[in-house]
Structure formats: structure tokens, C-alpha cells
Amino acid sequence: MKAIRFHEYGDADVLRYEDVPTPTPGPGEVRVHVAATSFNGVDGNIRAGRMQGPMPLHLPHVPGLDVAGTVDAVGDDVDGLRVGDHVVGFLPFTVDGASAEYVVTDAAGLAIAPESIPLADAAALPLVGLTAWQALFEHAGLRAGQRILVNGASGAVGGYAVQLARAAGAHVVATGGPDAADHLRALGADEVVDHTAADVAAAVTDPVDVLLNLAPVTPEQLAALAGRVGDGGVVVNTTVWMPAPTDEARGVRGIDLYVRSDATQLAGLVARVDRGELVVDVAERVALEDLPSVHARAAEGALSGKVVVVPAG
């Protein structure tokens, strides 16, 4: 089969499009004929070697943490999935991923794919959708009537966070560039702050109960944003190189989010998609052999929106 692999850490040019053996599922595993994977920001950090401590890899490595595709082989001791099922999943960080024509993974980590969108587009859901869900409801405990500031709302995680927070009955303040305002309002934002035209912390005049930071701000900017969180509130931060600030005197908790795979939560997100309650945004679809160019553009800051990566055929 064809796959993208890197044999050493480095820039995007270490990614190679090459022939590799087609994997065979073991007990508890299924093989998925990949309809698509997607690019996530963490993929670039893994490839560059910045995540070797928490995510040790055996090289060469196939990237691609999201998968959407069709089960085409089933190992022993697998219940609930059969050949022909359309599935989605968030794959483990340290094993070969879905930037390939086929991938083998634990059956327990997969959910049945949405029926209301193209199967390939469903690859835009797992990692970022689960990040948003876990940030809002596991860590922040978001409730109806609360105010939430989503900083970096125009990114892939932010779009899901805005939709889910609004559906939960929260008042959503979202940040984004001038081109994102209409889209963020369409997703459910009550207020939109243009981060290119104003200091976000100064522009948020009323305290919020939850700050979800998805943007690569400085520690000083994050501290200023956390200052807009009211007493007893929560700061959830996904920029793992910079700890979330805590203010014990005011009872403000700081939480650094590390997303995990959860097939039950993912199935819940899929159900929302099929009910028309959650929009899956895909900005671009590229061929598998063009994945190195996606990594290169991401490194240059020239990537906008969610990119779905599709193997030939």
C-alpha cells in the first residue's frame, strides 16, 4: 500500500510517499480502508521531534491521528464492528496513523461514522471535536447561562467549541479575525471580538465563567485573559507549552488540556452531526501524496481551516 512516513525528525521534507506493507489486524483490532485522515497542528510538532518526551515513536512512522474509512478486515475477539462498516476514530499518538491507504487500530476506539456527510469529510471531526467536548464539559463543567470566552474560535477546535457551548445554553464570546466574524456568528457566537483590531482582554468588559484558550498567545496575554475570568471560574488551555494560570485567591482553576480518544463521546458528536446540530467544516481536501506541502504551509503559518487528506482511489 501507499503511505506517508518519516524516517527521521525534521522539517516537512522528511515526509516520504512510499510503498509499505499492508497491515494485518490482530486480536481486538480491525483494518480500515482509509477514506481520509486530516492534518492537526500537533502532527507538525510530532514530525519535528518536539513531542518525543510524551510521545515516543518507533521510526519510521506514519502520521495521521484522525481516520474515516471502511472496515475491510476484522481480527479475533472483535464485537460490534464488521466488514463494510463506515467508521471514524482518533488514533493513538505513538502508533502508525492513517496517512496511508490502510490502517490497523483497536476496534474499541472507533465509532460508526456520520451518515449525513461524505465519509472522507468525517475525518475532520474526531481529534478536534473531542478536544472541544472535553474542554467544555469534562474540564470546565460548562452549564447553561454561563459566559464563555473562546480565544482562537476561528480554528478547527474553536468552531466546534462555539457550536457546543451555544447548544449547552451558554453565552459565547468568540475571538477571530475580521473575515471570521460572520461565520462565527452563524455557528452560534453571541459576541465576536476581532483580535487583530483590539486587545481581547480589554474588549471583554463583562467577566466570563470559562476561558477556553486555543491560540498561541504569550504568557502575558494569557494572564490578562485569565483576569477576565470571574471568581470561581475556570481557565482551560490547549497550548501545552504554557501552563494555564491559576488564581487560588479568587478560586480560579487553571487546567492544561490533553485530549484523549473516547469512542462513546465521539459517537455522541456523530449523532449531533446527523441531527444537524453540529457542522463539520472542511476548508480544503488534498491528496495523500501532497501531505508534505500541508506540513510546510502549516510551518509557515499559511494554513487556514481544517485540511482533509485523501488517499488515491
C-alpha atoms as a PDB file:
ATOM      1  CA  MET A   1       0.000   0.000   0.000  1.00  0.00           C
ATOM      2  CA  LYS A   2       0.985   3.655  -0.263  1.00  0.00           C
ATOM      3  CA  ALA A   3       1.684   5.683   2.863  1.00  0.00           C
ATOM      4  CA  ILE A   4       3.396   8.822   4.051  1.00  0.00           C
ATOM      5  CA  ARG A   5       6.189   8.154   6.539  1.00  0.00           C
ATOM      6  CA  PHE A   6       9.096   9.957   8.148  1.00  0.00           C
ATOM      7  CA  HIS A   7      12.303   8.055   8.950  1.00  0.00           C
ATOM      8  CA  GLU A   8      13.827  10.885  10.976  1.00  0.00           C
ATOM      9  CA  TYR A   9      12.591  14.004  12.722  1.00  0.00           C
ATOM     10  CA  GLY A  10      12.846  17.290  10.901  1.00  0.00           C
ATOM     11  CA  ASP A  11      11.142  19.729   8.549  1.00  0.00           C
ATOM     12  CA  ALA A  12       8.313  18.802   6.192  1.00  0.00           C
ATOM     13  CA  ASP A  13      10.768  17.422   3.641  1.00  0.00           C
ATOM     14  CA  VAL A  14      11.398  14.352   5.840  1.00  0.00           C
ATOM     15  CA  LEU A  15       7.925  13.091   4.852  1.00  0.00           C
ATOM     16  CA  ARG A  16       8.107  10.433   2.123  1.00  0.00           C
ATOM     17  CA  TYR A  17       5.352   8.964  -0.032  1.00  0.00           C
ATOM     18  CA  GLU A  18       6.324   5.304  -0.338  1.00  0.00           C
ATOM     19  CA  ASP A  19       5.259   1.676  -0.526  1.00  0.00           C
ATOM     20  CA  VAL A  20       4.861  -0.112   2.807  1.00  0.00           C
ATOM     21  CA  PRO A  21       3.419  -3.500   3.767  1.00  0.00           C
ATOM     22  CA  THR A  22      -0.350  -3.617   4.220  1.00  0.00           C
ATOM     23  CA  PRO A  23      -1.006  -4.279   7.939  1.00  0.00           C
ATOM     24  CA  THR A  24      -2.976  -7.225   9.290  1.00  0.00           C
ATOM     25  CA  PRO A  25      -5.313  -6.845  12.274  1.00  0.00           C
ATOM     26  CA  GLY A  26      -4.597  -8.758  15.448  1.00  0.00           C
ATOM     27  CA  PRO A  27      -6.967  -9.696  18.288  1.00  0.00           C
ATOM     28  CA  GLY A  28      -9.313  -6.841  19.125  1.00  0.00           C
ATOM     29  CA  GLU A  29      -8.253  -4.909  16.028  1.00  0.00           C
ATOM     30  CA  VAL A  30      -9.762  -4.026  12.677  1.00  0.00           C
ATOM     31  CA  ARG A  31      -8.180  -2.863   9.452  1.00  0.00           C
ATOM     32  CA  VAL A  32      -9.700   0.277   7.978  1.00  0.00           C
ATOM     33  CA  HIS A  33      -9.565   1.154   4.281  1.00  0.00           C
ATOM     34  CA  VAL A  34      -8.852   4.857   4.732  1.00  0.00           C
ATOM     35  CA  ALA A  35     -11.235   7.322   3.097  1.00  0.00           C
ATOM     36  CA  ALA A  36      -9.354  10.225   4.681  1.00  0.00           C
ATOM     37  CA  THR A  37      -7.252  11.451   7.549  1.00  0.00           C
ATOM     38  CA  SER A  38      -6.716  15.103   8.457  1.00  0.00           C
ATOM     39  CA  PHE A  39      -3.941  17.480   9.414  1.00  0.00           C
ATOM     40  CA  ASN A  40      -3.746  18.645  13.030  1.00  0.00           C
ATOM     41  CA  GLY A  41      -1.292  21.148  14.421  1.00  0.00           C
ATOM     42  CA  VAL A  42       0.210  18.524  16.718  1.00  0.00           C
ATOM     43  CA  ASP A  43       1.200  16.488  13.626  1.00  0.00           C
ATOM     44  CA  GLY A  44       3.798  19.107  12.757  1.00  0.00           C
ATOM     45  CA  ASN A  45       5.198  19.140  16.290  1.00  0.00           C
ATOM     46  CA  ILE A  46       5.440  15.343  16.326  1.00  0.00           C
ATOM     47  CA  ARG A  47       7.199  15.245  12.939  1.00  0.00           C
ATOM     48  CA  ALA A  48       9.627  17.968  14.023  1.00  0.00           C
ATOM     49  CA  GLY A  49      10.620  15.944  17.095  1.00  0.00           C
ATOM     50  CA  ARG A  50       9.206  18.358  19.649  1.00  0.00           C
ATOM     51  CA  MET A  51       6.996  15.726  21.317  1.00  0.00           C
ATOM     52  CA  GLN A  52       9.493  12.895  21.820  1.00  0.00           C
ATOM     53  CA  GLY A  53       9.158  13.005  25.600  1.00  0.00           C
ATOM     54  CA  PRO A  54       5.400  12.484  25.954  1.00  0.00           C
ATOM     55  CA  MET A  55       5.021  10.721  22.591  1.00  0.00           C
ATOM     56  CA  PRO A  56       7.989   8.390  21.898  1.00  0.00           C
ATOM     57  CA  LEU A  57       7.817   6.887  18.402  1.00  0.00           C
ATOM     58  CA  HIS A  58       9.341   3.919  16.636  1.00  0.00           C
ATOM     59  CA  LEU A  59      10.682   5.254  13.338  1.00  0.00           C
ATOM     60  CA  PRO A  60       9.781   5.162  10.521  1.00  0.00           C
ATOM     61  CA  HIS A  61       6.368   6.486  11.493  1.00  0.00           C
ATOM     62  CA  VAL A  62       3.110   7.033   9.602  1.00  0.00           C
ATOM     63  CA  PRO A  63       1.381  10.235  10.844  1.00  0.00           C
ATOM     64  CA  GLY A  64      -2.357  10.883  10.815  1.00  0.00           C
ATOM     65  CA  LEU A  65      -4.300  10.875  14.085  1.00  0.00           C
ATOM     66  CA  ASP A  66      -7.796  11.078  12.596  1.00  0.00           C
ATOM     67  CA  VAL A  67      -9.311   8.373  10.448  1.00  0.00           C
ATOM     68  CA  ALA A  68     -12.520   7.942   8.496  1.00  0.00           C
ATOM     69  CA  GLY A  69     -12.977   4.861   6.385  1.00  0.00           C
ATOM     70  CA  THR A  70     -14.449   1.415   5.883  1.00  0.00           C
ATOM     71  CA  VAL A  71     -13.675  -1.708   7.914  1.00  0.00           C
ATOM     72  CA  ASP A  72     -12.235  -4.240   5.475  1.00  0.00           C
ATOM     73  CA  ALA A  73     -10.776  -6.878   7.837  1.00  0.00           C
ATOM     74  CA  VAL A  74     -11.592  -7.896  11.416  1.00  0.00           C
ATOM     75  CA  GLY A  75      -9.309  -9.612  13.912  1.00  0.00           C
ATOM     76  CA  ASP A  76     -10.298 -12.111  16.570  1.00  0.00           C
ATOM     77  CA  ASP A  77     -12.352 -11.042  19.590  1.00  0.00           C
ATOM     78  CA  VAL A  78     -13.937  -8.015  17.923  1.00  0.00           C
ATOM     79  CA  ASP A  79     -17.545  -7.281  18.834  1.00  0.00           C
ATOM     80  CA  GLY A  80     -19.741  -4.575  17.369  1.00  0.00           C
ATOM     81  CA  LEU A  81     -17.930  -3.973  14.087  1.00  0.00           C
ATOM     82  CA  ARG A  82     -17.959  -5.916  10.844  1.00  0.00           C
ATOM     83  CA  VAL A  83     -16.540  -5.680   7.350  1.00  0.00           C
ATOM     84  CA  GLY A  84     -18.225  -2.854   5.441  1.00  0.00           C
ATOM     85  CA  ASP A  85     -18.922  -0.610   8.427  1.00  0.00           C
ATOM     86  CA  HIS A  86     -18.095   3.066   7.956  1.00  0.00           C
ATOM     87  CA  VAL A  87     -16.131   4.280  10.972  1.00  0.00           C
ATOM     88  CA  VAL A  88     -14.312   7.265  12.413  1.00  0.00           C
ATOM     89  CA  GLY A  89     -11.706   7.428  15.135  1.00  0.00           C
ATOM     90  CA  PHE A  90      -8.945   9.285  16.928  1.00  0.00           C
ATOM     91  CA  LEU A  91      -5.875   7.042  16.767  1.00  0.00           C
ATOM     92  CA  PRO A  92      -3.181   6.688  19.457  1.00  0.00           C
ATOM     93  CA  PHE A  93      -0.297   9.145  19.198  1.00  0.00           C
ATOM     94  CA  THR A  94       2.519   6.594  19.313  1.00  0.00           C
ATOM     95  CA  VAL A  95       1.457   4.033  16.691  1.00  0.00           C
ATOM     96  CA  ASP A  96       1.267   4.283  12.912  1.00  0.00           C
ATOM     97  CA  GLY A  97      -1.540   6.571  11.838  1.00  0.00           C
ATOM     98  CA  ALA A  98      -3.915   6.956   8.921  1.00  0.00           C
ATOM     99  CA  SER A  99      -1.805   8.794   6.321  1.00  0.00           C
ATOM    100  CA  ALA A 100      -1.988   5.615   4.292  1.00  0.00           C
ATOM    101  CA  GLU A 101      -4.360   3.518   2.244  1.00  0.00           C
ATOM    102  CA  TYR A 102      -4.993   1.187   5.209  1.00  0.00           C
ATOM    103  CA  VAL A 103      -4.556   1.420   8.966  1.00  0.00           C
ATOM    104  CA  VAL A 104      -4.958  -1.136  11.749  1.00  0.00           C
ATOM    105  CA  THR A 105      -6.351   0.033  15.075  1.00  0.00           C
ATOM    106  CA  ASP A 106      -8.213  -1.154  18.167  1.00  0.00           C
ATOM    107  CA  ALA A 107     -11.877  -1.665  17.365  1.00  0.00           C
ATOM    108  CA  ALA A 108     -12.862  -0.232  20.742  1.00  0.00           C
ATOM    109  CA  GLY A 109     -11.557   3.200  19.748  1.00  0.00           C
ATOM    110  CA  LEU A 110     -13.822   3.586  16.718  1.00  0.00           C
ATOM    111  CA  ALA A 111     -17.339   4.932  16.290  1.00  0.00           C
ATOM    112  CA  ILE A 112     -19.756   4.496  13.415  1.00  0.00           C
ATOM    113  CA  ALA A 113     -19.274   7.417  11.002  1.00  0.00           C
ATOM    114  CA  PRO A 114     -21.897  10.101  10.337  1.00  0.00           C
ATOM    115  CA  GLU A 115     -24.308   9.257   7.526  1.00  0.00           C
ATOM    116  CA  SER A 116     -25.226  12.845   6.662  1.00  0.00           C
ATOM    117  CA  ILE A 117     -21.824  13.982   5.337  1.00  0.00           C
ATOM    118  CA  PRO A 118     -19.271  12.436   2.954  1.00  0.00           C
ATOM    119  CA  LEU A 119     -17.229   9.747   4.677  1.00  0.00           C
ATOM    120  CA  ALA A 120     -13.927  11.497   3.896  1.00  0.00           C
ATOM    121  CA  ASP A 121     -15.151  14.733   5.486  1.00  0.00           C
ATOM    122  CA  ALA A 122     -15.821  12.876   8.738  1.00  0.00           C
ATOM    123  CA  ALA A 123     -12.049  12.753   9.268  1.00  0.00           C
ATOM    124  CA  ALA A 124     -12.322  16.434  10.252  1.00  0.00           C
ATOM    125  CA  LEU A 125     -14.268  15.520  13.397  1.00  0.00           C
ATOM    126  CA  PRO A 126     -12.525  13.175  15.869  1.00  0.00           C
ATOM    127  CA  LEU A 127      -9.494  14.880  17.438  1.00  0.00           C
ATOM    128  CA  VAL A 128     -10.719  18.468  17.314  1.00  0.00           C
ATOM    129  CA  GLY A 129     -14.309  17.584  18.192  1.00  0.00           C
ATOM    130  CA  LEU A 130     -13.187  15.587  21.215  1.00  0.00           C
ATOM    131  CA  THR A 131     -10.847  18.397  22.261  1.00  0.00           C
ATOM    132  CA  ALA A 132     -13.748  20.847  22.276  1.00  0.00           C
ATOM    133  CA  TRP A 133     -16.092  18.461  24.101  1.00  0.00           C
ATOM    134  CA  GLN A 134     -13.614  17.516  26.812  1.00  0.00           C
ATOM    135  CA  ALA A 135     -12.549  21.134  27.333  1.00  0.00           C
ATOM    136  CA  LEU A 136     -16.092  22.387  27.779  1.00  0.00           C
ATOM    137  CA  PHE A 137     -17.788  19.616  29.697  1.00  0.00           C
ATOM    138  CA  GLU A 138     -15.158  17.419  31.381  1.00  0.00           C
ATOM    139  CA  HIS A 139     -12.798  20.163  32.479  1.00  0.00           C
ATOM    140  CA  ALA A 140     -14.794  23.416  32.557  1.00  0.00           C
ATOM    141  CA  GLY A 141     -18.145  21.892  33.535  1.00  0.00           C
ATOM    142  CA  LEU A 142     -19.900  24.417  31.298  1.00  0.00           C
ATOM    143  CA  ARG A 143     -23.563  24.983  32.142  1.00  0.00           C
ATOM    144  CA  ALA A 144     -26.499  26.857  30.673  1.00  0.00           C
ATOM    145  CA  GLY A 145     -26.476  30.546  31.486  1.00  0.00           C
ATOM    146  CA  GLN A 146     -22.710  30.790  31.916  1.00  0.00           C
ATOM    147  CA  ARG A 147     -20.463  33.072  29.860  1.00  0.00           C
ATOM    148  CA  ILE A 148     -17.535  31.571  27.967  1.00  0.00           C
ATOM    149  CA  LEU A 149     -14.694  33.251  26.070  1.00  0.00           C
ATOM    150  CA  VAL A 150     -13.331  31.080  23.254  1.00  0.00           C
ATOM    151  CA  ASN A 151      -9.979  32.598  22.302  1.00  0.00           C
ATOM    152  CA  GLY A 152      -8.958  31.327  18.887  1.00  0.00           C
ATOM    153  CA  ALA A 153     -12.501  30.447  17.891  1.00  0.00           C
ATOM    154  CA  SER A 154     -11.854  30.592  14.145  1.00  0.00           C
ATOM    155  CA  GLY A 155      -9.666  27.476  14.288  1.00  0.00           C
ATOM    156  CA  ALA A 156     -10.902  23.911  13.926  1.00  0.00           C
ATOM    157  CA  VAL A 157     -11.350  23.245  17.662  1.00  0.00           C
ATOM    158  CA  GLY A 158     -12.852  26.696  18.160  1.00  0.00           C
ATOM    159  CA  GLY A 159     -15.607  26.136  15.627  1.00  0.00           C
ATOM    160  CA  TYR A 160     -16.782  23.033  17.464  1.00  0.00           C
ATOM    161  CA  ALA A 161     -16.412  24.735  20.853  1.00  0.00           C
ATOM    162  CA  VAL A 162     -18.620  27.641  19.769  1.00  0.00           C
ATOM    163  CA  GLN A 163     -21.316  25.293  18.488  1.00  0.00           C
ATOM    164  CA  LEU A 164     -21.263  23.021  21.533  1.00  0.00           C
ATOM    165  CA  ALA A 165     -21.212  25.882  24.029  1.00  0.00           C
ATOM    166  CA  ARG A 166     -24.154  27.578  22.343  1.00  0.00           C
ATOM    167  CA  ALA A 167     -26.084  24.296  22.279  1.00  0.00           C
ATOM    168  CA  ALA A 168     -25.445  23.966  26.019  1.00  0.00           C
ATOM    169  CA  GLY A 169     -27.129  27.324  26.589  1.00  0.00           C
ATOM    170  CA  ALA A 170     -24.003  29.363  27.304  1.00  0.00           C
ATOM    171  CA  HIS A 171     -23.369  32.955  26.207  1.00  0.00           C
ATOM    172  CA  VAL A 172     -20.440  32.662  23.786  1.00  0.00           C
ATOM    173  CA  VAL A 173     -17.812  35.356  23.261  1.00  0.00           C
ATOM    174  CA  ALA A 174     -15.554  34.299  20.376  1.00  0.00           C
ATOM    175  CA  THR A 175     -12.332  35.792  19.028  1.00  0.00           C
ATOM    176  CA  GLY A 176     -11.294  35.703  15.392  1.00  0.00           C
ATOM    177  CA  GLY A 177     -10.040  37.795  12.533  1.00  0.00           C
ATOM    178  CA  PRO A 178     -12.257  40.180  10.569  1.00  0.00           C
ATOM    179  CA  ASP A 179     -13.007  37.553   7.927  1.00  0.00           C
ATOM    180  CA  ALA A 180     -14.288  35.096  10.531  1.00  0.00           C
ATOM    181  CA  ALA A 181     -16.938  37.218  12.232  1.00  0.00           C
ATOM    182  CA  ASP A 182     -19.939  36.247  10.114  1.00  0.00           C
ATOM    183  CA  HIS A 183     -19.031  32.561  10.216  1.00  0.00           C
ATOM    184  CA  LEU A 184     -18.592  32.578  13.992  1.00  0.00           C
ATOM    185  CA  ARG A 185     -21.967  34.224  14.456  1.00  0.00           C
ATOM    186  CA  ALA A 186     -23.510  31.616  12.166  1.00  0.00           C
ATOM    187  CA  LEU A 187     -22.021  28.902  14.373  1.00  0.00           C
ATOM    188  CA  GLY A 188     -23.620  30.467  17.440  1.00  0.00           C
ATOM    189  CA  ALA A 189     -21.311  33.144  18.852  1.00  0.00           C
ATOM    190  CA  ASP A 190     -23.212  35.879  20.697  1.00  0.00           C
ATOM    191  CA  GLU A 191     -20.273  38.287  20.544  1.00  0.00           C
ATOM    192  CA  VAL A 192     -17.228  38.339  18.270  1.00  0.00           C
ATOM    193  CA  VAL A 193     -14.018  40.175  19.130  1.00  0.00           C
ATOM    194  CA  ASP A 194     -11.615  40.957  16.279  1.00  0.00           C
ATOM    195  CA  HIS A 195      -8.260  40.099  17.824  1.00  0.00           C
ATOM    196  CA  THR A 196      -6.448  41.980  15.061  1.00  0.00           C
ATOM    197  CA  ALA A 197      -8.176  45.262  15.892  1.00  0.00           C
ATOM    198  CA  ALA A 198      -8.440  45.245  19.682  1.00  0.00           C
ATOM    199  CA  ASP A 199      -6.828  43.933  22.815  1.00  0.00           C
ATOM    200  CA  VAL A 200      -9.058  40.974  23.600  1.00  0.00           C
ATOM    201  CA  ALA A 201      -8.765  41.197  27.380  1.00  0.00           C
ATOM    202  CA  ALA A 202      -9.685  44.893  27.276  1.00  0.00           C
ATOM    203  CA  ALA A 203     -12.543  44.283  24.829  1.00  0.00           C
ATOM    204  CA  VAL A 204     -14.218  41.688  27.082  1.00  0.00           C
ATOM    205  CA  THR A 205     -15.863  44.069  29.514  1.00  0.00           C
ATOM    206  CA  ASP A 206     -18.043  41.606  31.434  1.00  0.00           C
ATOM    207  CA  PRO A 207     -16.440  38.742  33.376  1.00  0.00           C
ATOM    208  CA  VAL A 208     -16.718  35.223  31.980  1.00  0.00           C
ATOM    209  CA  ASP A 209     -17.134  31.950  33.820  1.00  0.00           C
ATOM    210  CA  VAL A 210     -14.899  29.994  31.442  1.00  0.00           C
ATOM    211  CA  LEU A 211     -11.899  30.921  29.321  1.00  0.00           C
ATOM    212  CA  LEU A 212     -11.011  28.376  26.643  1.00  0.00           C
ATOM    213  CA  ASN A 213      -7.675  29.373  25.134  1.00  0.00           C
ATOM    214  CA  LEU A 214      -6.864  27.780  21.786  1.00  0.00           C
ATOM    215  CA  ALA A 215      -4.487  30.447  20.475  1.00  0.00           C
ATOM    216  CA  PRO A 216      -0.664  30.673  20.696  1.00  0.00           C
ATOM    217  CA  VAL A 217      -0.665  33.789  22.881  1.00  0.00           C
ATOM    218  CA  THR A 218       2.174  34.945  25.119  1.00  0.00           C
ATOM    219  CA  PRO A 219       2.144  34.153  28.852  1.00  0.00           C
ATOM    220  CA  GLU A 220       1.377  37.815  29.498  1.00  0.00           C
ATOM    221  CA  GLN A 221      -1.598  37.764  27.127  1.00  0.00           C
ATOM    222  CA  LEU A 222      -2.912  34.552  28.684  1.00  0.00           C
ATOM    223  CA  ALA A 223      -2.611  36.051  32.163  1.00  0.00           C
ATOM    224  CA  ALA A 224      -4.547  39.120  31.016  1.00  0.00           C
ATOM    225  CA  LEU A 225      -7.284  36.935  29.529  1.00  0.00           C
ATOM    226  CA  ALA A 226      -7.437  34.861  32.705  1.00  0.00           C
ATOM    227  CA  GLY A 227      -8.006  38.118  34.571  1.00  0.00           C
ATOM    228  CA  ARG A 228     -11.374  38.390  32.794  1.00  0.00           C
ATOM    229  CA  VAL A 229     -12.499  35.119  34.427  1.00  0.00           C
ATOM    230  CA  GLY A 230     -14.768  35.760  37.398  1.00  0.00           C
ATOM    231  CA  ASP A 231     -14.270  34.359  40.882  1.00  0.00           C
ATOM    232  CA  GLY A 232     -14.695  30.588  40.945  1.00  0.00           C
ATOM    233  CA  GLY A 233     -14.239  30.293  37.177  1.00  0.00           C
ATOM    234  CA  VAL A 234     -12.077  28.054  35.007  1.00  0.00           C
ATOM    235  CA  VAL A 235      -9.233  28.571  32.521  1.00  0.00           C
ATOM    236  CA  VAL A 236      -8.780  25.668  30.070  1.00  0.00           C
ATOM    237  CA  ASN A 237      -5.663  25.955  27.939  1.00  0.00           C
ATOM    238  CA  THR A 238      -4.615  23.802  24.987  1.00  0.00           C
ATOM    239  CA  THR A 239      -1.210  25.403  24.341  1.00  0.00           C
ATOM    240  CA  VAL A 240       0.609  22.769  26.356  1.00  0.00           C
ATOM    241  CA  TRP A 241       3.997  24.517  26.320  1.00  0.00           C
ATOM    242  CA  MET A 242       2.490  27.284  28.508  1.00  0.00           C
ATOM    243  CA  PRO A 243       0.679  26.317  31.739  1.00  0.00           C
ATOM    244  CA  ALA A 244      -2.803  27.629  32.400  1.00  0.00           C
ATOM    245  CA  PRO A 245      -2.749  30.314  35.110  1.00  0.00           C
ATOM    246  CA  THR A 246      -4.440  29.621  38.439  1.00  0.00           C
ATOM    247  CA  ASP A 247      -5.641  32.227  40.920  1.00  0.00           C
ATOM    248  CA  GLU A 248      -6.212  30.459  44.226  1.00  0.00           C
ATOM    249  CA  ALA A 249      -7.238  33.657  45.996  1.00  0.00           C
ATOM    250  CA  ARG A 250     -10.199  34.036  43.624  1.00  0.00           C
ATOM    251  CA  GLY A 251     -10.867  30.328  43.246  1.00  0.00           C
ATOM    252  CA  VAL A 252      -9.977  30.341  39.525  1.00  0.00           C
ATOM    253  CA  ARG A 253      -8.761  26.940  38.362  1.00  0.00           C
ATOM    254  CA  GLY A 254      -6.212  26.532  35.561  1.00  0.00           C
ATOM    255  CA  ILE A 255      -6.377  23.336  33.505  1.00  0.00           C
ATOM    256  CA  ASP A 256      -3.968  22.164  30.816  1.00  0.00           C
ATOM    257  CA  LEU A 257      -5.916  20.010  28.380  1.00  0.00           C
ATOM    258  CA  TYR A 258      -4.506  16.808  26.909  1.00  0.00           C
ATOM    259  CA  VAL A 259      -7.155  15.296  24.660  1.00  0.00           C
ATOM    260  CA  ARG A 260      -7.784  11.564  24.764  1.00  0.00           C
ATOM    261  CA  SER A 261      -9.638   9.165  22.491  1.00  0.00           C
ATOM    262  CA  ASP A 262     -13.151   8.292  23.665  1.00  0.00           C
ATOM    263  CA  ALA A 263     -15.390   6.310  21.318  1.00  0.00           C
ATOM    264  CA  THR A 264     -18.524   6.986  23.376  1.00  0.00           C
ATOM    265  CA  GLN A 265     -18.014  10.743  23.283  1.00  0.00           C
ATOM    266  CA  LEU A 266     -17.191  10.545  19.582  1.00  0.00           C
ATOM    267  CA  ALA A 267     -20.402   8.629  18.911  1.00  0.00           C
ATOM    268  CA  GLY A 268     -22.273  11.427  20.674  1.00  0.00           C
ATOM    269  CA  LEU A 269     -20.653  14.005  18.400  1.00  0.00           C
ATOM    270  CA  VAL A 270     -21.527  11.891  15.360  1.00  0.00           C
ATOM    271  CA  ALA A 271     -25.162  11.814  16.481  1.00  0.00           C
ATOM    272  CA  ARG A 272     -25.160  15.609  16.709  1.00  0.00           C
ATOM    273  CA  VAL A 273     -23.789  15.827  13.166  1.00  0.00           C
ATOM    274  CA  ASP A 274     -26.515  13.532  11.850  1.00  0.00           C
ATOM    275  CA  ARG A 275     -29.192  15.536  13.672  1.00  0.00           C
ATOM    276  CA  GLY A 276     -27.920  18.706  12.029  1.00  0.00           C
ATOM    277  CA  GLU A 277     -26.787  20.152  15.361  1.00  0.00           C
ATOM    278  CA  LEU A 278     -23.060  20.191  14.621  1.00  0.00           C
ATOM    279  CA  VAL A 279     -21.453  21.468  11.425  1.00  0.00           C
ATOM    280  CA  VAL A 280     -18.285  19.740  10.206  1.00  0.00           C
ATOM    281  CA  ASP A 281     -16.203  22.370   8.460  1.00  0.00           C
ATOM    282  CA  VAL A 282     -13.674  21.300   5.823  1.00  0.00           C
ATOM    283  CA  ALA A 283     -11.602  24.097   4.338  1.00  0.00           C
ATOM    284  CA  GLU A 284      -9.559  22.016   1.919  1.00  0.00           C
ATOM    285  CA  ARG A 285      -9.171  18.479   0.594  1.00  0.00           C
ATOM    286  CA  VAL A 286      -5.744  17.330  -0.615  1.00  0.00           C
ATOM    287  CA  ALA A 287      -4.301  14.106  -1.962  1.00  0.00           C
ATOM    288  CA  LEU A 288      -2.216  11.929   0.349  1.00  0.00           C
ATOM    289  CA  GLU A 289       0.942  12.496  -1.694  1.00  0.00           C
ATOM    290  CA  ASP A 290       0.536  16.246  -1.119  1.00  0.00           C
ATOM    291  CA  LEU A 291       0.605  15.957   2.680  1.00  0.00           C
ATOM    292  CA  PRO A 292       4.228  17.260   2.883  1.00  0.00           C
ATOM    293  CA  SER A 293       3.094  20.546   1.351  1.00  0.00           C
ATOM    294  CA  VAL A 294       0.377  20.838   4.016  1.00  0.00           C
ATOM    295  CA  HIS A 295       3.003  20.405   6.751  1.00  0.00           C
ATOM    296  CA  ALA A 296       5.195  23.015   5.046  1.00  0.00           C
ATOM    297  CA  ARG A 297       2.362  25.533   4.798  1.00  0.00           C
ATOM    298  CA  ALA A 298       1.442  24.950   8.431  1.00  0.00           C
ATOM    299  CA  ALA A 299       5.029  25.641   9.487  1.00  0.00           C
ATOM    300  CA  GLU A 300       4.873  28.937   7.583  1.00  0.00           C
ATOM    301  CA  GLY A 301       1.590  29.896   9.215  1.00  0.00           C
ATOM    302  CA  ALA A 302      -0.099  29.755   5.806  1.00  0.00           C
ATOM    303  CA  LEU A 303      -2.728  27.132   6.621  1.00  0.00           C
ATOM    304  CA  SER A 304      -6.302  28.188   7.318  1.00  0.00           C
ATOM    305  CA  GLY A 305      -9.097  25.862   8.375  1.00  0.00           C
ATOM    306  CA  LYS A 306      -9.314  22.098   8.536  1.00  0.00           C
ATOM    307  CA  VAL A 307      -7.498  20.107   5.852  1.00  0.00           C
ATOM    308  CA  VAL A 308      -8.715  16.615   4.970  1.00  0.00           C
ATOM    309  CA  VAL A 309      -6.159  14.283   3.375  1.00  0.00           C
ATOM    310  CA  VAL A 310      -7.450  11.684   0.908  1.00  0.00           C
ATOM    311  CA  PRO A 311      -5.574   8.618  -0.397  1.00  0.00           C
ATOM    312  CA  ALA A 312      -5.814   7.889  -4.122  1.00  0.00           C
ATOM    313  CA  GLY A 313      -8.905   5.920  -5.085  1.00  0.00           C
END
